[in-house]
C-alpha atoms as a PDB file:
ATOM      1  CA  MET A   1      15.030   7.797  -7.916  1.00  0.00           C
ATOM      2  CA  ALA A   2      18.012   5.790  -9.518  1.00  0.00           C
ATOM      3  CA  LYS A   3      18.395   5.898 -13.448  1.00  0.00           C
ATOM      4  CA  VAL A   4      16.952   3.262 -15.563  1.00  0.00           C
ATOM      5  CA  PRO A   5      19.792   2.571 -18.074  1.00  0.00           C
ATOM      6  CA  ILE A   6      17.831   2.008 -20.979  1.00  0.00           C
ATOM      7  CA  SER A   7      15.087   4.328 -20.547  1.00  0.00           C
ATOM      8  CA  THR A   8      15.249   7.565 -22.932  1.00  0.00           C
ATOM      9  CA  SER A   9      12.591   9.647 -21.140  1.00  0.00           C
ATOM     10  CA  TYR A  10      10.345   9.792 -17.837  1.00  0.00           C
ATOM     11  CA  ARG A  11       6.942  10.771 -16.978  1.00  0.00           C
ATOM     12  CA  VAL A  12       6.702  12.675 -13.365  1.00  0.00           C
ATOM     13  CA  TYR A  13       3.074  12.787 -12.538  1.00  0.00           C
ATOM     14  CA  VAL A  14       2.437  14.391  -8.983  1.00  0.00           C
ATOM     15  CA  SER A  15      -1.052  15.234  -7.490  1.00  0.00           C
ATOM     16  CA  GLY A  16      -2.325  16.537  -4.113  1.00  0.00           C
ATOM     17  CA  THR A  17      -5.789  17.140  -2.807  1.00  0.00           C
ATOM     18  CA  SER A  18      -6.213  20.277  -4.905  1.00  0.00           C
ATOM     19  CA  GLY A  19      -5.385  18.010  -8.046  1.00  0.00           C
ATOM     20  CA  VAL A  20      -2.621  17.429 -10.472  1.00  0.00           C
ATOM     21  CA  VAL A  21       0.370  19.975  -9.918  1.00  0.00           C
ATOM     22  CA  LEU A  22       2.545  18.397 -12.355  1.00  0.00           C
ATOM     23  CA  ASP A  23       2.275  16.023 -15.449  1.00  0.00           C
ATOM     24  CA  LYS A  24       5.289  16.198 -17.718  1.00  0.00           C
ATOM     25  CA  TRP A  25       8.058  14.082 -19.615  1.00  0.00           C
ATOM     26  CA  TYR A  26      11.530  14.508 -19.240  1.00  0.00           C
ATOM     27  CA  SER A  27      14.512  13.374 -21.428  1.00  0.00           C
ATOM     28  CA  SER A  28      17.051  11.043 -19.827  1.00  0.00           C
ATOM     29  CA  VAL A  29      19.620  13.531 -20.231  1.00  0.00           C
ATOM     30  CA  GLU A  30      17.541  16.291 -18.616  1.00  0.00           C
ATOM     31  CA  ALA A  31      16.176  14.217 -15.667  1.00  0.00           C
ATOM     32  CA  CYS A  32      19.225  11.755 -15.156  1.00  0.00           C
ATOM     33  CA  PRO A  33      22.384  13.740 -15.700  1.00  0.00           C
ATOM     34  CA  THR A  34      24.101  11.184 -13.404  1.00  0.00           C
ATOM     35  CA  ASP A  35      23.054   7.713 -11.978  1.00  0.00           C
ATOM     36  CA  VAL A  36      20.312   9.561  -9.719  1.00  0.00           C
ATOM     37  CA  CYS A  37      17.296  11.301 -11.385  1.00  0.00           C
ATOM     38  CA  SER A  38      15.597  14.672 -10.281  1.00  0.00           C
ATOM     39  CA  VAL A  39      13.670  17.333 -11.603  1.00  0.00           C
ATOM     40  CA  GLU A  40      12.553  20.730 -10.333  1.00  0.00           C
ATOM     41  CA  PHE A  41       9.197  21.560  -9.857  1.00  0.00           C
ATOM     42  CA  PRO A  42       7.908  24.665 -12.067  1.00  0.00           C
ATOM     43  CA  THR A  43       6.068  26.086  -9.371  1.00  0.00           C
ATOM     44  CA  THR A  44       6.180  26.297  -5.388  1.00  0.00           C
ATOM     45  CA  LEU A  45       3.998  23.633  -3.807  1.00  0.00           C
ATOM     46  CA  ALA A  46       1.425  24.526  -1.249  1.00  0.00           C
ATOM     47  CA  THR A  47       1.110  22.858   2.312  1.00  0.00           C
ATOM     48  CA  ASP A  48      -0.490  19.798   1.389  1.00  0.00           C
ATOM     49  CA  LYS A  49      -0.067  16.054   0.851  1.00  0.00           C
ATOM     50  CA  TYR A  50       1.081  14.810  -2.470  1.00  0.00           C
ATOM     51  CA  THR A  51       1.431  11.519  -4.081  1.00  0.00           C
ATOM     52  CA  TRP A  52       4.015  11.163  -7.128  1.00  0.00           C
ATOM     53  CA  TRP A  53       4.532   8.647  -9.676  1.00  0.00           C
ATOM     54  CA  VAL A  54       7.124   8.002 -12.178  1.00  0.00           C
ATOM     55  CA  GLN A  55       6.929   6.034 -15.540  1.00  0.00           C
ATOM     56  CA  THR A  56       9.851   5.153 -17.738  1.00  0.00           C
ATOM     57  CA  TYR A  57       9.936   4.875 -21.625  1.00  0.00           C
ATOM     58  CA  SER A  58      12.330   3.192 -24.269  1.00  0.00           C
ATOM     59  CA  SER A  59      12.120   1.773 -27.539  1.00  0.00           C
ATOM     60  CA  ALA A  60      10.986  -1.429 -25.573  1.00  0.00           C
ATOM     61  CA  GLY A  61       7.701   0.605 -24.396  1.00  0.00           C
ATOM     62  CA  TYR A  62       6.575   1.928 -21.289  1.00  0.00           C
ATOM     63  CA  GLY A  63       7.468   0.787 -17.702  1.00  0.00           C
ATOM     64  CA  PRO A  64       5.469   0.376 -14.742  1.00  0.00           C
ATOM     65  CA  TRP A  65       4.277   3.389 -12.651  1.00  0.00           C
ATOM     66  CA  MET A  66       6.442   3.629  -9.390  1.00  0.00           C
ATOM     67  CA  SER A  67       4.723   5.774  -6.453  1.00  0.00           C
ATOM     68  CA  SER A  68       5.372   7.291  -3.014  1.00  0.00           C
ATOM     69  CA  THR A  69       3.803  10.354  -1.007  1.00  0.00           C
ATOM     70  CA  PHE A  70       5.272  13.198   0.527  1.00  0.00           C
ATOM     71  CA  LYS A  71       4.129  16.009   2.498  1.00  0.00           C
ATOM     72  CA  VAL A  72       4.834  19.578   2.201  1.00  0.00           C
ATOM     73  CA  SER A  73       4.725  21.587   5.828  1.00  0.00           C
ATOM     74  CA  PRO A  74       4.762  25.252   6.610  1.00  0.00           C
END
């Protein structure tokens, strides 16, 4: 995801068929050290189909949820 210049933090929410696997806020510095944002999962993901959402936050308030799906195959 591309960095949102005024954002101070990002919420990453990931769920699969077994439920939520990640719901965590990251600081802008932590998630976006360059113009591209990325985070490492704290655990290995099982084979499944997942949906992820990202929400930004700044002093102006919360941004909209941006979503996509991905699949982990064996």
